[in-house]
């Protein structure tokens, strides 16, 4: 059972890394700003999309 939890965590980390890489490569944060995707405060819009 511990192997499954560890494996899932590793998979989740790899997916998160891939998503961050995609956002950086394609300048998604800039696209969100251009589309007026703003919030007043709290978690940045780009993190919500990620």
C-alpha atoms as a PDB file:
ATOM      1  CA  UNK A   1       0.000   0.000   0.000  1.00  0.00           C
ATOM      2  CA  UNK A   2       2.835   2.427   0.711  1.00  0.00           C
ATOM      3  CA  UNK A   3       4.187   1.854  -2.790  1.00  0.00           C
ATOM      4  CA  UNK A   4       0.890   2.973  -4.307  1.00  0.00           C
ATOM      5  CA  UNK A   5       0.838   6.172  -2.293  1.00  0.00           C
ATOM      6  CA  UNK A   6       4.458   6.936  -3.190  1.00  0.00           C
ATOM      7  CA  UNK A   7       3.863   6.114  -6.840  1.00  0.00           C
ATOM      8  CA  UNK A   8       0.762   8.318  -6.964  1.00  0.00           C
ATOM      9  CA  UNK A   9       2.692  11.179  -5.384  1.00  0.00           C
ATOM     10  CA  UNK A  10       5.480  10.817  -7.936  1.00  0.00           C
ATOM     11  CA  UNK A  11       2.938  10.774 -10.772  1.00  0.00           C
ATOM     12  CA  UNK A  12       1.193  13.867  -9.382  1.00  0.00           C
ATOM     13  CA  UNK A  13       4.516  15.699  -9.098  1.00  0.00           C
ATOM     14  CA  UNK A  14       5.426  14.802 -12.688  1.00  0.00           C
ATOM     15  CA  UNK A  15       2.041  15.996 -13.959  1.00  0.00           C
ATOM     16  CA  UNK A  16       2.407  19.271 -12.034  1.00  0.00           C
ATOM     17  CA  UNK A  17       5.891  19.782 -13.466  1.00  0.00           C
ATOM     18  CA  UNK A  18       4.589  19.134 -16.991  1.00  0.00           C
ATOM     19  CA  UNK A  19       1.729  21.603 -16.545  1.00  0.00           C
ATOM     20  CA  UNK A  20       4.069  24.313 -15.190  1.00  0.00           C
ATOM     21  CA  UNK A  21       6.390  23.719 -18.141  1.00  0.00           C
ATOM     22  CA  UNK A  22       3.464  24.059 -20.572  1.00  0.00           C
ATOM     23  CA  UNK A  23       2.342  27.320 -18.935  1.00  0.00           C
ATOM     24  CA  UNK A  24       5.864  28.741 -19.177  1.00  0.00           C
ATOM     25  CA  UNK A  25       6.507  27.599 -22.736  1.00  0.00           C
ATOM     26  CA  UNK A  26       3.249  28.966 -24.147  1.00  0.00           C
ATOM     27  CA  UNK A  27       3.044  32.089 -21.937  1.00  0.00           C
ATOM     28  CA  UNK A  28      -0.369  31.122 -20.579  1.00  0.00           C
ATOM     29  CA  UNK A  29      -0.154  33.707 -17.783  1.00  0.00           C
ATOM     30  CA  UNK A  30       0.177  36.483 -20.371  1.00  0.00           C
ATOM     31  CA  UNK A  31      -2.764  35.081 -22.320  1.00  0.00           C
ATOM     32  CA  UNK A  32      -4.880  35.066 -19.159  1.00  0.00           C
ATOM     33  CA  UNK A  33      -3.977  38.705 -18.489  1.00  0.00           C
ATOM     34  CA  UNK A  34      -4.826  39.629 -22.084  1.00  0.00           C
ATOM     35  CA  UNK A  35      -8.210  37.959 -21.629  1.00  0.00           C
ATOM     36  CA  UNK A  36      -8.775  40.032 -18.465  1.00  0.00           C
ATOM     37  CA  UNK A  37      -8.701  36.932 -16.255  1.00  0.00           C
ATOM     38  CA  UNK A  38      -8.112  38.652 -12.917  1.00  0.00           C
ATOM     39  CA  UNK A  39      -9.081  38.130  -9.308  1.00  0.00           C
ATOM     40  CA  UNK A  40      -9.140  40.658  -6.504  1.00  0.00           C
ATOM     41  CA  UNK A  41      -6.909  38.746  -4.099  1.00  0.00           C
ATOM     42  CA  UNK A  42      -5.851  35.301  -3.023  1.00  0.00           C
ATOM     43  CA  UNK A  43      -4.464  32.622  -5.284  1.00  0.00           C
ATOM     44  CA  UNK A  44      -3.268  33.910  -8.680  1.00  0.00           C
ATOM     45  CA  UNK A  45      -5.470  33.049 -11.670  1.00  0.00           C
ATOM     46  CA  UNK A  46      -2.647  31.099 -13.348  1.00  0.00           C
ATOM     47  CA  UNK A  47      -2.373  28.792 -10.328  1.00  0.00           C
ATOM     48  CA  UNK A  48      -6.103  28.106 -10.430  1.00  0.00           C
ATOM     49  CA  UNK A  49      -5.865  27.096 -14.084  1.00  0.00           C
ATOM     50  CA  UNK A  50      -2.854  24.914 -13.361  1.00  0.00           C
END
